[in-house]
Amino acid sequence: MRIIISDTSALIDLRKGALLEALLRLPYEIQVPDLLYEDELLSIPATEKRALVRQGLRVIGLSGALIDRAVALERENPALRLYDCSAWALAETTQDCILLTGDGRLRAAAGTAIEVHGVLWAFDEVHRHRTADPVVLHAALFTWSEDATVWLPDSEIRARQRRLGGRV
């Protein structure tokens, strides 16, 4: 089973679209670094975070060497935060994994060495594997299109809405 290592922004956007549980039902193992899980996912209540772990989210403890690598990546890429770099560092050492991010800067920086995808790719996987009802998919697209803190291209949202058979 392939592994998806997610950063914070992807998880938050998928949560806003009510697609986190659908992501966890995909035929992937979903992982996050412990640093990110403990410190960065503050907008997700503790009870919900524990439920995600029960549903299959794997929280991976970072070794000292991986934390050092994350710090080095942050120094080399000052536009990125340590939490993003911790996901990147974990992805670098995980064979044949996918880094899932909602951050274009992280995608650009890490994408030369590892496979990187964004929130809309995750949406497409949820749709392809039918782990969420079409009504939920429609609602996610609508929510994202109306949320100024979700930075997804309107044209891509509209294209997915058309494929689902409706309009945003």
C-alpha atoms as a PDB file:
ATOM      1  CA  MET A   1       0.000   0.000   0.000  1.00  0.00           C
ATOM      2  CA  ARG A   2       1.381   3.407  -0.937  1.00  0.00           C
ATOM      3  CA  ILE A   3       1.833   6.020   1.721  1.00  0.00           C
ATOM      4  CA  ILE A   4       0.543   9.580   1.631  1.00  0.00           C
ATOM      5  CA  ILE A   5       2.304  11.985   3.972  1.00  0.00           C
ATOM      6  CA  SER A   6       0.193  15.079   4.498  1.00  0.00           C
ATOM      7  CA  ASP A   7       0.990  18.590   5.592  1.00  0.00           C
ATOM      8  CA  THR A   8      -1.302  20.752   7.680  1.00  0.00           C
ATOM      9  CA  SER A   9      -2.910  22.821   4.949  1.00  0.00           C
ATOM     10  CA  ALA A  10      -4.139  19.780   3.015  1.00  0.00           C
ATOM     11  CA  LEU A  11      -5.708  18.251   6.114  1.00  0.00           C
ATOM     12  CA  ILE A  12      -7.392  21.520   7.075  1.00  0.00           C
ATOM     13  CA  ASP A  13      -8.820  22.063   3.582  1.00  0.00           C
ATOM     14  CA  LEU A  14     -10.046  18.467   3.377  1.00  0.00           C
ATOM     15  CA  ARG A  15     -11.642  18.870   6.802  1.00  0.00           C
ATOM     16  CA  LYS A  16     -13.407  22.037   5.646  1.00  0.00           C
ATOM     17  CA  GLY A  17     -14.793  19.988   2.773  1.00  0.00           C
ATOM     18  CA  ALA A  18     -15.823  17.163   5.159  1.00  0.00           C
ATOM     19  CA  LEU A  19     -13.529  14.772   3.264  1.00  0.00           C
ATOM     20  CA  LEU A  20     -11.002  13.715   5.911  1.00  0.00           C
ATOM     21  CA  GLU A  21     -12.766  10.458   6.688  1.00  0.00           C
ATOM     22  CA  ALA A  22     -13.126   9.752   2.949  1.00  0.00           C
ATOM     23  CA  LEU A  23      -9.381  10.335   2.549  1.00  0.00           C
ATOM     24  CA  LEU A  24      -8.707   7.764   5.254  1.00  0.00           C
ATOM     25  CA  ARG A  25     -10.864   5.202   3.411  1.00  0.00           C
ATOM     26  CA  LEU A  26      -8.677   5.425   0.288  1.00  0.00           C
ATOM     27  CA  PRO A  27      -6.314   2.524  -0.476  1.00  0.00           C
ATOM     28  CA  TYR A  28      -3.369   4.457   0.952  1.00  0.00           C
ATOM     29  CA  GLU A  29      -1.814   4.707   4.372  1.00  0.00           C
ATOM     30  CA  ILE A  30      -2.169   8.325   5.482  1.00  0.00           C
ATOM     31  CA  GLN A  31       0.617   9.616   7.713  1.00  0.00           C
ATOM     32  CA  VAL A  32       1.488  12.882   9.439  1.00  0.00           C
ATOM     33  CA  PRO A  33       4.572  13.775  11.464  1.00  0.00           C
ATOM     34  CA  ASP A  34       3.947  13.907  15.211  1.00  0.00           C
ATOM     35  CA  LEU A  35       5.195  17.488  15.342  1.00  0.00           C
ATOM     36  CA  LEU A  36       2.511  18.554  12.892  1.00  0.00           C
ATOM     37  CA  TYR A  37      -0.201  16.477  14.592  1.00  0.00           C
ATOM     38  CA  GLU A  38       0.511  17.787  18.092  1.00  0.00           C
ATOM     39  CA  ASP A  39       1.303  21.436  17.400  1.00  0.00           C
ATOM     40  CA  GLU A  40      -0.153  22.469  14.064  1.00  0.00           C
ATOM     41  CA  LEU A  41      -3.620  20.897  13.916  1.00  0.00           C
ATOM     42  CA  LEU A  42      -4.987  23.142  16.652  1.00  0.00           C
ATOM     43  CA  SER A  43      -8.148  23.917  14.691  1.00  0.00           C
ATOM     44  CA  ILE A  44      -9.160  20.262  14.940  1.00  0.00           C
ATOM     45  CA  PRO A  45     -10.558  19.353  18.373  1.00  0.00           C
ATOM     46  CA  ALA A  46      -8.652  16.656  20.285  1.00  0.00           C
ATOM     47  CA  THR A  47     -11.613  14.271  20.182  1.00  0.00           C
ATOM     48  CA  GLU A  48     -11.775  14.568  16.392  1.00  0.00           C
ATOM     49  CA  LYS A  49      -8.013  14.065  16.079  1.00  0.00           C
ATOM     50  CA  ARG A  50      -8.241  10.884  18.161  1.00  0.00           C
ATOM     51  CA  ALA A  51     -11.132   9.694  15.975  1.00  0.00           C
ATOM     52  CA  LEU A  52      -8.980  10.223  12.874  1.00  0.00           C
ATOM     53  CA  VAL A  53      -6.266   8.066  14.412  1.00  0.00           C
ATOM     54  CA  ARG A  54      -8.849   5.359  15.162  1.00  0.00           C
ATOM     55  CA  GLN A  55      -9.940   5.567  11.513  1.00  0.00           C
ATOM     56  CA  GLY A  56      -6.403   4.968  10.288  1.00  0.00           C
ATOM     57  CA  LEU A  57      -4.410   8.199  10.403  1.00  0.00           C
ATOM     58  CA  ARG A  58      -0.844   7.267  11.375  1.00  0.00           C
ATOM     59  CA  VAL A  59       1.095   9.735  13.477  1.00  0.00           C
ATOM     60  CA  ILE A  60       4.806   9.179  12.872  1.00  0.00           C
ATOM     61  CA  GLY A  61       7.393  10.131  15.480  1.00  0.00           C
ATOM     62  CA  LEU A  62      10.325  11.957  13.952  1.00  0.00           C
ATOM     63  CA  SER A  63      13.817  10.861  14.873  1.00  0.00           C
ATOM     64  CA  GLY A  64      16.438  13.415  15.816  1.00  0.00           C
ATOM     65  CA  ALA A  65      17.943  13.054  12.347  1.00  0.00           C
ATOM     66  CA  LEU A  66      14.592  13.810  10.687  1.00  0.00           C
ATOM     67  CA  ILE A  67      14.042  16.841  12.905  1.00  0.00           C
ATOM     68  CA  ASP A  68      17.535  18.042  11.963  1.00  0.00           C
ATOM     69  CA  ARG A  69      16.666  17.529   8.292  1.00  0.00           C
ATOM     70  CA  ALA A  70      13.397  19.459   8.710  1.00  0.00           C
ATOM     71  CA  VAL A  71      15.296  22.344  10.328  1.00  0.00           C
ATOM     72  CA  ALA A  72      17.806  22.309   7.450  1.00  0.00           C
ATOM     73  CA  LEU A  73      14.985  22.338   4.881  1.00  0.00           C
ATOM     74  CA  GLU A  74      13.399  25.282   6.679  1.00  0.00           C
ATOM     75  CA  ARG A  75      16.705  27.172   6.604  1.00  0.00           C
ATOM     76  CA  GLU A  76      17.089  26.452   2.877  1.00  0.00           C
ATOM     77  CA  ASN A  77      13.456  27.436   2.198  1.00  0.00           C
ATOM     78  CA  PRO A  78      12.609  30.398   4.459  1.00  0.00           C
ATOM     79  CA  ALA A  79       9.096  30.736   2.982  1.00  0.00           C
ATOM     80  CA  LEU A  80       8.211  27.358   4.506  1.00  0.00           C
ATOM     81  CA  ARG A  81       7.421  26.586   8.120  1.00  0.00           C
ATOM     82  CA  LEU A  82       9.048  23.885  10.202  1.00  0.00           C
ATOM     83  CA  TYR A  83       5.810  21.878  10.206  1.00  0.00           C
ATOM     84  CA  ASP A  84       5.728  21.790   6.404  1.00  0.00           C
ATOM     85  CA  CYS A  85       9.393  20.862   6.348  1.00  0.00           C
ATOM     86  CA  SER A  86       8.781  18.030   8.819  1.00  0.00           C
ATOM     87  CA  ALA A  87       6.304  16.465   6.367  1.00  0.00           C
ATOM     88  CA  TRP A  88       8.813  17.002   3.549  1.00  0.00           C
ATOM     89  CA  ALA A  89      11.648  15.430   5.564  1.00  0.00           C
ATOM     90  CA  LEU A  90       9.480  12.416   6.388  1.00  0.00           C
ATOM     91  CA  ALA A  91       8.494  12.059   2.724  1.00  0.00           C
ATOM     92  CA  GLU A  92      12.143  12.170   1.652  1.00  0.00           C
ATOM     93  CA  THR A  93      12.870   9.094   3.741  1.00  0.00           C
ATOM     94  CA  THR A  94       9.708   7.141   2.917  1.00  0.00           C
ATOM     95  CA  GLN A  95      10.087   5.025  -0.195  1.00  0.00           C
ATOM     96  CA  ASP A  96       7.558   5.561  -3.009  1.00  0.00           C
ATOM     97  CA  CYS A  97       5.348   7.907  -1.000  1.00  0.00           C
ATOM     98  CA  ILE A  98       3.258  10.896  -1.996  1.00  0.00           C
ATOM     99  CA  LEU A  99       3.537  14.241  -0.237  1.00  0.00           C
ATOM    100  CA  LEU A 100       0.069  15.802   0.007  1.00  0.00           C
ATOM    101  CA  THR A 101       0.097  19.557   0.463  1.00  0.00           C
ATOM    102  CA  GLY A 102      -2.112  22.552   0.008  1.00  0.00           C
ATOM    103  CA  ASP A 103       0.936  24.829  -0.033  1.00  0.00           C
ATOM    104  CA  GLY A 104       2.169  25.774  -3.502  1.00  0.00           C
ATOM    105  CA  ARG A 105       5.559  26.806  -2.117  1.00  0.00           C
ATOM    106  CA  LEU A 106       6.074  23.386  -0.552  1.00  0.00           C
ATOM    107  CA  ARG A 107       4.891  21.696  -3.733  1.00  0.00           C
ATOM    108  CA  ALA A 108       7.374  23.681  -5.812  1.00  0.00           C
ATOM    109  CA  ALA A 109      10.296  23.128  -3.437  1.00  0.00           C
ATOM    110  CA  ALA A 110       9.763  19.414  -2.768  1.00  0.00           C
ATOM    111  CA  GLY A 111       8.373  18.402  -6.139  1.00  0.00           C
ATOM    112  CA  THR A 112      11.751  18.001  -7.781  1.00  0.00           C
ATOM    113  CA  ALA A 113      12.703  15.058  -5.581  1.00  0.00           C
ATOM    114  CA  ILE A 114       9.452  13.366  -4.546  1.00  0.00           C
ATOM    115  CA  GLU A 115       5.919  12.906  -5.854  1.00  0.00           C
ATOM    116  CA  VAL A 116       3.765  15.789  -4.636  1.00  0.00           C
ATOM    117  CA  HIS A 117       0.034  16.325  -5.049  1.00  0.00           C
ATOM    118  CA  GLY A 118      -2.533  18.780  -3.745  1.00  0.00           C
ATOM    119  CA  VAL A 119      -6.014  18.860  -2.291  1.00  0.00           C
ATOM    120  CA  LEU A 120      -7.748  18.568  -5.661  1.00  0.00           C
ATOM    121  CA  TRP A 121      -5.772  15.405  -6.435  1.00  0.00           C
ATOM    122  CA  ALA A 122      -7.013  13.993  -3.108  1.00  0.00           C
ATOM    123  CA  PHE A 123     -10.554  15.033  -4.073  1.00  0.00           C
ATOM    124  CA  ASP A 124     -10.138  13.199  -7.394  1.00  0.00           C
ATOM    125  CA  GLU A 125      -8.912  10.082  -5.590  1.00  0.00           C
ATOM    126  CA  VAL A 126     -11.904  10.187  -3.226  1.00  0.00           C
ATOM    127  CA  HIS A 127     -14.182  10.516  -6.242  1.00  0.00           C
ATOM    128  CA  ARG A 128     -12.410   7.755  -8.221  1.00  0.00           C
ATOM    129  CA  HIS A 129     -12.499   5.311  -5.304  1.00  0.00           C
ATOM    130  CA  ARG A 130     -16.030   6.343  -4.281  1.00  0.00           C
ATOM    131  CA  THR A 131     -15.166   6.835  -0.626  1.00  0.00           C
ATOM    132  CA  ALA A 132     -17.576   9.775  -0.354  1.00  0.00           C
ATOM    133  CA  ASP A 133     -21.111  10.252  -1.574  1.00  0.00           C
ATOM    134  CA  PRO A 134     -21.531  12.603  -4.581  1.00  0.00           C
ATOM    135  CA  VAL A 135     -23.588  14.945  -2.384  1.00  0.00           C
ATOM    136  CA  VAL A 136     -20.596  15.290  -0.044  1.00  0.00           C
ATOM    137  CA  LEU A 137     -18.293  15.902  -3.013  1.00  0.00           C
ATOM    138  CA  HIS A 138     -20.599  18.639  -4.332  1.00  0.00           C
ATOM    139  CA  ALA A 139     -20.740  20.216  -0.875  1.00  0.00           C
ATOM    140  CA  ALA A 140     -16.942  20.151  -0.568  1.00  0.00           C
ATOM    141  CA  LEU A 141     -16.528  21.973  -3.865  1.00  0.00           C
ATOM    142  CA  PHE A 142     -19.114  24.559  -2.866  1.00  0.00           C
ATOM    143  CA  THR A 143     -17.505  25.067   0.550  1.00  0.00           C
ATOM    144  CA  TRP A 144     -14.059  25.510  -0.983  1.00  0.00           C
ATOM    145  CA  SER A 145     -15.336  27.934  -3.608  1.00  0.00           C
ATOM    146  CA  GLU A 146     -16.922  30.112  -0.904  1.00  0.00           C
ATOM    147  CA  ASP A 147     -14.042  30.010   1.610  1.00  0.00           C
ATOM    148  CA  ALA A 148     -11.491  32.785   1.099  1.00  0.00           C
ATOM    149  CA  THR A 149      -8.915  30.848   3.146  1.00  0.00           C
ATOM    150  CA  VAL A 150      -8.994  27.901   0.728  1.00  0.00           C
ATOM    151  CA  TRP A 151      -6.754  28.743  -2.190  1.00  0.00           C
ATOM    152  CA  LEU A 152      -7.861  26.396  -4.926  1.00  0.00           C
ATOM    153  CA  PRO A 153      -8.233  27.534  -8.542  1.00  0.00           C
ATOM    154  CA  ASP A 154     -11.847  28.417  -9.319  1.00  0.00           C
ATOM    155  CA  SER A 155     -11.484  26.942 -12.801  1.00  0.00           C
ATOM    156  CA  GLU A 156     -10.453  23.580 -11.314  1.00  0.00           C
ATOM    157  CA  ILE A 157     -13.337  23.605  -8.860  1.00  0.00           C
ATOM    158  CA  ARG A 158     -15.784  24.396 -11.687  1.00  0.00           C
ATOM    159  CA  ALA A 159     -14.309  21.616 -13.862  1.00  0.00           C
ATOM    160  CA  ARG A 160     -14.843  19.075 -11.087  1.00  0.00           C
ATOM    161  CA  GLN A 161     -18.344  20.361 -10.461  1.00  0.00           C
ATOM    162  CA  ARG A 162     -19.169  19.876 -14.155  1.00  0.00           C
ATOM    163  CA  ARG A 163     -17.792  16.323 -14.037  1.00  0.00           C
ATOM    164  CA  LEU A 164     -20.053  15.626 -11.066  1.00  0.00           C
ATOM    165  CA  GLY A 165     -23.002  16.995 -13.004  1.00  0.00           C
ATOM    166  CA  GLY A 166     -23.694  20.364 -11.431  1.00  0.00           C
ATOM    167  CA  ARG A 167     -22.535  23.953 -11.100  1.00  0.00           C
ATOM    168  CA  VAL A 168     -20.687  25.945  -8.456  1.00  0.00           C
END
